[in-house]
Protein backbone atom coordinates (compact mmCIF):
# COMPACT_ATOMS: atom_id res chain seq x y z
CA MET A 1 282.95 378.53 59.27
CA LYS A 2 282.78 380.95 56.86
CA GLU A 3 286.84 381.90 55.10
CA THR A 4 288.33 385.55 56.30
CA MET A 5 289.71 386.98 52.43
CA GLY A 6 293.24 386.40 54.17
CA GLN A 7 292.42 382.78 54.15
CA ILE A 8 290.90 382.87 50.82
CA ILE A 9 293.76 384.37 49.62
CA ARG A 10 295.86 382.18 50.74
CA ARG A 11 294.10 378.92 49.68
CA LEU A 12 293.87 380.23 46.11
CA ARG A 13 297.63 381.02 46.91
CA LYS A 14 298.87 377.34 47.29
CA GLU A 15 295.96 375.97 44.88
CA LYS A 16 298.39 378.09 41.90
CA ASN A 17 301.96 376.90 43.70
CA LEU A 18 302.41 380.67 44.49
CA THR A 19 305.09 381.67 47.11
CA GLN A 20 303.97 384.89 48.94
CA GLU A 21 307.20 386.15 47.26
CA GLU A 22 305.63 385.40 43.51
CA LEU A 23 302.21 386.67 44.51
CA ALA A 24 303.95 390.11 45.47
CA GLU A 25 305.78 390.66 42.43
CA GLN A 26 303.01 389.79 39.99
CA LEU A 27 300.75 392.11 42.16
CA GLY A 28 303.97 394.85 42.80
CA VAL A 29 303.60 394.60 46.24
CA THR A 30 305.39 393.53 48.83
CA PHE A 31 305.76 389.75 50.56
CA GLN A 32 305.52 391.34 53.59
CA ALA A 33 301.74 393.00 52.32
CA VAL A 34 300.78 389.75 51.28
CA SER A 35 302.14 387.84 54.77
CA LYS A 36 299.34 390.25 56.33
CA TRP A 37 296.61 389.78 54.01
CA GLU A 38 297.22 386.23 55.03
CA ASN A 39 297.33 386.57 57.98
CA ASP A 40 294.48 388.97 58.80
CA THR A 41 296.41 391.33 60.31
CA GLY A 42 295.94 393.93 57.08
CA MET A 43 293.28 393.91 54.08
CA PRO A 44 294.26 394.73 50.36
CA ASP A 45 293.31 398.22 49.10
CA ILE A 46 290.26 398.12 46.97
CA SER A 47 291.74 398.83 43.79
CA GLN A 48 293.95 395.54 44.49
CA VAL A 49 291.18 392.98 44.41
CA VAL A 50 290.86 392.50 40.84
CA PRO A 51 294.52 392.76 39.93
CA ILE A 52 294.32 389.72 42.93
CA ALA A 53 291.33 388.02 41.25
CA HIS A 54 292.76 387.87 37.96
CA VAL A 55 295.89 386.08 39.15
CA PHE A 56 293.83 383.56 40.68
CA GLY A 57 291.26 383.33 37.51
CA VAL A 58 288.87 383.93 39.91
CA SER A 59 285.58 386.65 39.90
CA THR A 60 286.30 389.01 42.84
CA ASP A 61 283.12 387.58 44.40
CA VAL A 62 285.07 384.87 45.24
CA LEU A 63 287.52 386.90 47.22
CA PHE A 64 284.71 388.31 49.03
CA GLY A 65 283.24 384.95 49.58
CA THR A 66 279.96 385.77 48.30
CA PHE A 67 280.65 382.42 45.27
CA GLY A 68 281.63 380.39 48.06
CA THR A 69 282.05 376.37 48.22
CA ASN A 70 278.13 375.37 49.01
CA ASP A 71 275.92 377.60 46.24
CA THR A 72 274.95 373.84 45.13
CA GLU A 73 272.19 374.92 43.26
CA GLU A 74 274.40 377.23 41.03
CA VAL A 75 277.19 374.67 40.99
CA TRP A 76 274.89 371.99 39.20
CA LYS A 77 273.26 374.09 36.85
CA ILE A 78 277.04 374.50 35.48
CA VAL A 79 277.33 370.50 35.60
CA ASN A 80 274.27 369.99 34.24
CA ASN A 81 274.94 372.43 31.49
CA ALA A 82 278.36 370.76 30.88
CA GLN A 83 276.94 367.06 30.62
CA ALA A 84 274.57 368.60 28.08
CA LEU A 85 277.70 368.96 26.00
CA LEU A 86 278.10 365.72 25.41
CA SER A 87 277.72 363.79 22.07
CA ARG A 88 275.77 360.33 21.40
CA PRO A 89 277.89 358.53 20.52
CA LEU A 90 279.80 359.99 23.12
CA THR A 91 283.52 360.95 21.49
CA SER A 92 286.88 362.36 23.06
CA GLU A 93 286.26 365.89 21.76
CA SER A 94 282.39 366.11 23.02
CA LEU A 95 283.76 365.06 26.84
CA PHE A 96 286.88 367.78 26.45
CA GLN A 97 284.20 370.37 25.56
CA LYS A 98 282.56 368.95 29.11
CA TYR A 99 285.76 369.33 30.60
CA LEU A 100 286.69 372.85 29.78
CA ALA A 101 282.88 373.92 30.92
CA ILE A 102 283.50 372.32 34.49
CA LYS A 103 287.06 373.89 34.12
CA GLU A 104 285.64 377.11 33.76
CA GLY A 105 283.06 376.66 37.19
CA LEU A 106 286.40 376.08 39.07
CA LYS A 107 286.87 379.85 38.77
CA LEU A 108 283.92 381.03 40.45
CA TYR A 109 284.09 377.94 42.89
CA PRO A 110 288.24 376.86 42.92
CA ASN A 111 287.76 373.99 45.56
CA ASN A 112 283.96 372.83 45.18
CA THR A 113 284.47 368.84 46.10
CA ILE A 114 280.87 368.57 43.25
CA LEU A 115 283.19 370.47 39.98
CA LEU A 116 286.48 369.20 41.58
CA MET A 117 285.05 365.21 40.81
CA HIS A 118 283.36 366.32 37.82
CA CYS A 119 286.88 367.10 36.27
CA LEU A 120 288.48 364.48 38.02
CA GLU A 121 286.07 361.84 36.37
CA THR A 122 286.18 363.38 32.92
CA GLY A 123 289.69 363.87 32.60
CA ILE A 124 290.66 360.46 33.67
CA ALA A 125 288.70 359.29 30.81
CA LEU A 126 290.09 361.78 28.59
CA SER A 127 293.93 361.02 29.70
CA TYR A 128 294.35 357.18 30.59
CA PRO A 129 296.24 355.41 27.87
CA GLU A 130 293.76 352.07 27.72
CA ASN A 131 290.96 354.15 27.54
CA ASP A 132 290.92 354.13 23.68
CA LYS A 133 287.83 355.33 23.17
CA LEU A 134 288.00 358.47 24.38
CA TYR A 135 291.56 358.87 25.07
CA ASP A 136 292.95 362.59 23.98
CA SER A 137 296.49 361.26 22.75
CA GLU A 138 297.26 365.40 22.46
CA ARG A 139 296.19 366.69 25.19
CA ALA A 140 295.99 363.55 27.71
CA GLU A 141 299.34 364.30 29.28
CA ASP A 142 298.32 368.05 30.55
CA ILE A 143 294.96 367.17 31.40
CA TYR A 144 297.04 364.32 33.89
CA LYS A 145 298.99 367.15 35.16
CA GLU A 146 295.64 369.22 36.01
CA CYS A 147 294.26 366.04 37.38
CA VAL A 148 296.93 365.97 39.89
CA ARG A 149 295.96 369.33 41.15
CA TYR A 150 292.37 368.71 40.74
CA ALA A 151 293.03 366.03 43.54
CA ASN A 152 294.99 367.09 45.82
CA LEU A 153 292.24 369.79 46.64
CA VAL A 154 289.94 367.19 47.19
CA ILE A 155 292.15 365.29 49.43
CA SER A 156 292.65 368.55 51.05
CA TYR A 157 289.23 369.87 51.38
CA SER A 158 286.81 367.09 50.80
CA LYS A 159 285.00 365.85 54.09
CA ASN A 160 283.53 363.26 51.82
CA ILE A 161 285.37 360.03 52.82
CA SER A 162 284.30 358.18 49.35
CA ASP A 163 285.67 361.19 47.37
CA VAL A 164 288.81 361.26 48.98
CA LEU A 165 289.13 357.80 47.96
CA ARG A 166 287.90 358.56 44.67
CA ALA A 167 291.03 360.58 44.34
CA HIS A 168 293.62 358.76 45.49
CA MET A 169 292.35 355.78 43.79
CA ILE A 170 292.58 358.02 40.35
CA MET A 171 295.71 359.19 41.14
CA VAL A 172 297.12 355.25 41.61
CA ILE A 173 295.89 354.62 37.85
CA LEU A 174 297.27 357.84 36.18
CA HIS A 175 300.11 358.03 38.30
CA SER A 176 301.20 354.10 37.13
CA ALA A 177 300.30 354.95 33.47
CA TYR A 178 302.63 357.70 33.35
CA GLY A 179 305.46 355.79 35.18
CA ASN A 180 305.10 357.84 38.61
CA PHE A 181 304.68 354.93 40.43
CA GLU A 182 306.77 356.48 43.72
CA LYS A 183 303.51 359.09 43.81
CA ALA A 184 301.34 355.80 42.75
CA TRP A 185 302.71 353.90 45.40
CA PHE A 186 301.86 356.58 48.22
CA HIS A 187 298.33 356.81 46.75
CA ALA A 188 297.86 353.25 47.40
CA GLU A 189 298.77 353.22 50.66
CA GLN A 190 296.19 355.71 51.74
CA PHE A 191 293.93 352.41 51.35
CA PRO A 192 292.11 350.53 54.23
CA TYR A 193 293.45 346.99 53.80
CA ARG A 194 289.31 345.61 54.00
CA ALA A 195 287.70 347.31 51.64
CA ASP A 196 284.38 345.21 52.78
CA PHE A 197 282.98 348.25 55.19
CA ASN A 198 280.84 350.43 52.47
CA ASN A 199 278.20 352.87 53.67
CA HIS A 200 275.59 350.56 52.73
CA VAL A 201 277.01 348.54 55.58
CA MET A 202 277.59 350.74 58.15
CA TYR A 203 273.25 351.91 57.08
CA ALA A 204 272.78 347.92 58.00
CA TYR A 205 274.34 348.11 61.51
CA TYR A 206 272.21 351.57 61.90
CA ALA A 207 268.93 349.59 60.74
CA HIS A 208 269.86 346.41 62.45
CA TRP A 209 269.66 348.42 66.16
CA LYS A 210 266.57 350.76 65.33
CA LYS A 211 264.90 347.04 64.72
CA ASP A 212 264.30 347.97 60.84
CA TYR A 213 265.06 344.46 59.87
CA LYS A 214 263.34 345.19 56.54
CA ARG A 215 265.83 348.09 55.93
CA GLU A 216 268.67 345.98 57.20
CA ALA A 217 268.73 343.72 54.62
CA GLN A 218 267.85 345.83 51.96
CA SER A 219 271.22 347.47 52.56
CA CYS A 220 273.02 344.12 52.84
CA GLN A 221 271.93 343.42 49.54
CA TYR A 222 273.13 346.39 48.25
CA GLY A 223 276.62 345.63 49.88
CA PHE A 224 276.19 342.68 48.04
CA VAL A 225 275.70 343.95 44.89
CA HIS A 226 279.21 346.50 45.23
CA TYR A 227 280.94 343.28 46.41
CA LEU A 228 279.63 341.42 43.69
CA GLU A 229 280.19 344.60 40.89
CA GLY A 230 283.52 345.15 42.42
CA MET A 231 284.54 341.47 42.52
CA LEU A 232 283.48 341.57 38.65
CA ASN A 233 285.98 344.22 38.31
CA ILE A 234 288.93 342.30 39.77
CA ASN A 235 288.42 339.31 37.96
CA VAL A 236 288.66 340.61 34.65
CA LYS A 237 292.03 342.56 35.79
CA LEU A 238 293.35 339.09 36.44
CA ALA A 239 292.47 337.94 33.52
CA LYS A 240 294.04 340.46 31.15
CA SER A 241 296.84 340.21 33.64
CA TYR A 242 296.82 336.31 32.75
CA MET A 243 296.60 337.47 29.16
CA LEU A 244 299.56 339.71 29.29
CA GLN A 245 301.83 336.90 30.39
CA GLU A 246 300.24 334.50 27.61
CA LYS A 247 298.83 332.28 30.28
CA TYR A 248 295.21 332.38 28.80
CA LYS A 249 293.76 329.19 29.41
CA ASP A 250 294.10 330.63 33.41
CA ALA A 251 292.84 334.32 31.77
CA ALA A 252 289.52 332.21 30.62
CA SER A 253 289.29 330.03 33.78
CA VAL A 254 288.50 333.20 35.58
CA LEU A 255 286.06 334.40 32.99
CA GLU A 256 283.97 331.14 32.63
CA THR A 257 283.77 331.16 36.89
CA SER A 258 282.68 334.89 36.44
CA LEU A 259 280.02 334.06 34.47
CA GLU A 260 279.23 330.75 36.17
CA LEU A 261 278.68 332.63 39.40
CA ILE A 262 276.56 335.37 37.66
CA GLN A 263 274.21 332.41 36.46
CA CYS A 264 274.01 330.40 40.00
CA ILE A 265 273.17 333.80 41.56
CA PHE A 266 270.42 334.77 39.11
CA LYS A 267 269.44 330.94 38.46
CA ASP A 268 265.88 331.97 39.72
CA ASN A 269 265.87 334.50 37.14
CA GLU A 270 264.61 333.63 33.03
CA VAL A 271 266.91 336.54 31.93
CA LEU A 272 270.63 337.48 33.96
CA PRO A 273 271.16 340.94 34.25
CA PRO A 274 273.70 342.48 32.00
CA ILE A 275 276.29 342.98 34.73
CA HIS A 276 278.35 340.85 32.44
CA HIS A 277 278.59 344.13 30.24
CA HIS A 278 281.00 345.48 31.64
CA GLU A 279 283.30 348.81 32.06
CA HIS A 280 286.23 346.65 30.78
CA GLY A 281 284.33 344.98 27.76
CA ASP A 282 281.61 342.29 27.46
CA LEU A 283 283.02 339.05 29.33
CA TYR A 284 281.38 336.88 26.34
CA ALA A 285 283.58 339.26 23.70
CA LEU A 286 286.94 338.83 26.08
CA LEU A 287 286.55 335.12 26.43
CA ALA A 288 286.51 335.18 22.44
CA GLU A 289 289.53 337.21 22.50
CA ILE A 290 291.39 334.92 25.05
CA TYR A 291 290.43 332.00 23.40
CA LEU A 292 291.97 333.39 19.27
CA LYS A 293 294.73 334.39 21.55
CA ASP A 294 295.28 330.31 22.45
CA GLY A 295 294.55 329.50 18.86
CA ASP A 296 290.96 328.01 19.44
CA PRO A 297 288.47 329.68 16.92
CA ASP A 298 286.03 327.29 17.54
CA LYS A 299 285.51 328.07 21.16
CA ALA A 300 285.94 331.76 20.53
CA LEU A 301 283.13 331.29 18.09
CA SER A 302 280.89 330.17 20.38
CA TYR A 303 281.62 332.79 22.96
CA LEU A 304 280.93 335.01 20.52
CA GLU A 305 277.68 333.36 19.14
CA LYS A 306 276.60 333.84 23.04
CA MET A 307 277.43 336.87 23.76
CA MET A 308 274.64 337.83 20.22
CA ASN A 309 272.38 335.43 21.81
CA TYR A 310 272.13 337.31 25.17
CA ASP A 311 272.20 340.82 22.94
CA LEU A 312 269.70 340.13 20.42
CA ASN A 313 266.97 337.86 22.55
CA ASP A 314 267.73 338.18 26.68
CA TYR A 315 268.41 341.95 26.23
CA ALA A 316 265.53 342.48 24.39
CA THR A 317 263.30 341.09 26.93
CA ILE A 318 264.48 342.99 29.71
CA ASP A 319 261.93 346.59 30.86
CA SER A 320 261.31 348.07 34.10
CA ASN A 321 259.21 344.90 35.19
CA THR A 322 262.47 342.76 35.12
CA LYS A 323 263.00 341.75 38.78
CA THR A 324 265.19 339.91 40.50
CA LYS A 325 263.78 336.68 42.42
CA THR A 326 267.04 335.48 44.51
CA PRO A 327 266.81 336.42 47.78
CA LEU A 328 270.19 337.31 48.03
CA LEU A 329 268.91 340.53 45.80
CA ASN A 330 265.41 341.01 45.37
CA SER A 331 265.18 344.17 47.83
CA ILE A 332 267.09 345.89 44.91
CA PRO A 333 264.89 347.62 42.84
CA HIS A 334 265.51 347.64 38.71
CA GLY A 335 269.20 349.12 38.96
CA LEU A 336 270.12 345.81 37.90
CA TYR A 337 268.56 344.88 35.23
CA HIS A 338 269.68 348.60 33.59
CA LYS A 339 270.19 348.55 30.20
CA ARG A 340 273.90 349.36 29.70
CA ILE A 341 275.18 347.98 26.73
CA ASP A 342 274.83 351.93 24.85
CA ARG A 343 277.16 352.97 27.49
CA HIS A 344 279.84 350.65 25.82
CA GLN A 345 279.72 349.01 22.74
CA ASN A 346 276.73 348.03 21.00
CA LEU A 347 276.31 344.94 19.60
CA ALA A 348 277.72 345.43 16.14
CA ASN A 349 280.75 347.57 17.29
CA LYS A 350 281.54 344.51 19.70
CA LEU A 351 281.20 342.39 16.76
CA THR A 352 282.80 343.63 14.62
CA ASP A 353 285.62 344.64 17.04
CA GLN A 354 289.92 344.47 15.28
CA ARG A 355 290.35 342.21 18.02
CA PHE A 356 288.52 339.45 15.79
CA GLU A 357 289.49 340.58 12.37
CA ILE A 358 290.90 337.22 11.89
CA LEU A 359 287.60 335.03 11.80
CA LYS A 360 286.58 337.27 8.61
CA GLU A 361 287.00 334.16 6.24
CA ASN A 362 285.24 331.95 9.13
CA GLU A 363 281.52 331.22 7.98
CA ARG A 364 280.39 330.43 11.44
CA TYR A 365 281.50 333.77 11.89
CA GLN A 366 280.32 335.53 8.87
CA LYS A 367 277.09 334.15 9.30
CA LEU A 368 276.72 336.47 13.07
CA ILE A 369 277.41 339.45 10.78
CA ASP A 370 274.67 338.99 8.06
CA LEU A 371 272.19 338.52 11.56
CA ILE A 372 273.08 341.68 12.70
CA LYS A 373 272.68 343.02 9.19
CA LYS A 374 269.30 341.99 9.96
């Protein structure tokens, strides 16, 4: 049902964290007048529409409901134009320009969940302190505070449970990083105790009773991909936790087991998919870092050599014809073999990372450096 002007004014006032009295003061009217507008027992005079829109930072079309949240084509045009501002390689400055462009779009579509989610995803990249490649230290705290508002809007207005849970997730991460542990705990408690019921599993139930067994199998496999990537994600977090506790052997064991699992699942393929190119870093590079901290440079170098061998040889053979052979995943299209390396660090940057500075005089390490210079 379309919002009335009164409902729009109430929503925008709450989004601005204004009381009726504060809004009335800014507009030079009584709070009773604002109350009548919001209860649809009265309407603002036409001369007041522009000042109201100015207070909320929106166009007058928003107040009249003609620029609603369902203008999907216009919204995606805003998103695509903002996306075009990103540089290659990605920098915090170009990401901030995208963030500003999406914020401008929110002035036209104040609670559009597509724009809000793009603000959240861009905002966490800029404001999360451990995202050292894109973290914007000067603006981070302000962006964090804005993300809190965006997340609350998504949680309040979105009917898409994935968006709602993602907003809660971002709040857990950011509130924790900024020391607001009580709020972080609140958002963490909003998650279900089981995580195995994703949409692909639901599609599998649906397909099963439609007797569409081919689709059922594919849905199960897509579900498995998400579990696999989720498991790798949590294993990296676990390994890093062990590193911070200086339990280096436990940290190494976690990641080595993860690599063994990848090799087991894809044992029928000549080339492993690049799922060890992880959002938290290349697993081989992480293992090298762990062994250096544990005082074993030879083991560290062996993992750097494995990393280089994969990136220079196996990775180069992947193309659109590379398919998964295992019955666990053979219905999944090319996505598993999508080339992810440019999303994060390329080989030269990984190898010359400051973590490996201690190896700069090592002959084996120098040979690796020489190889990437060729």
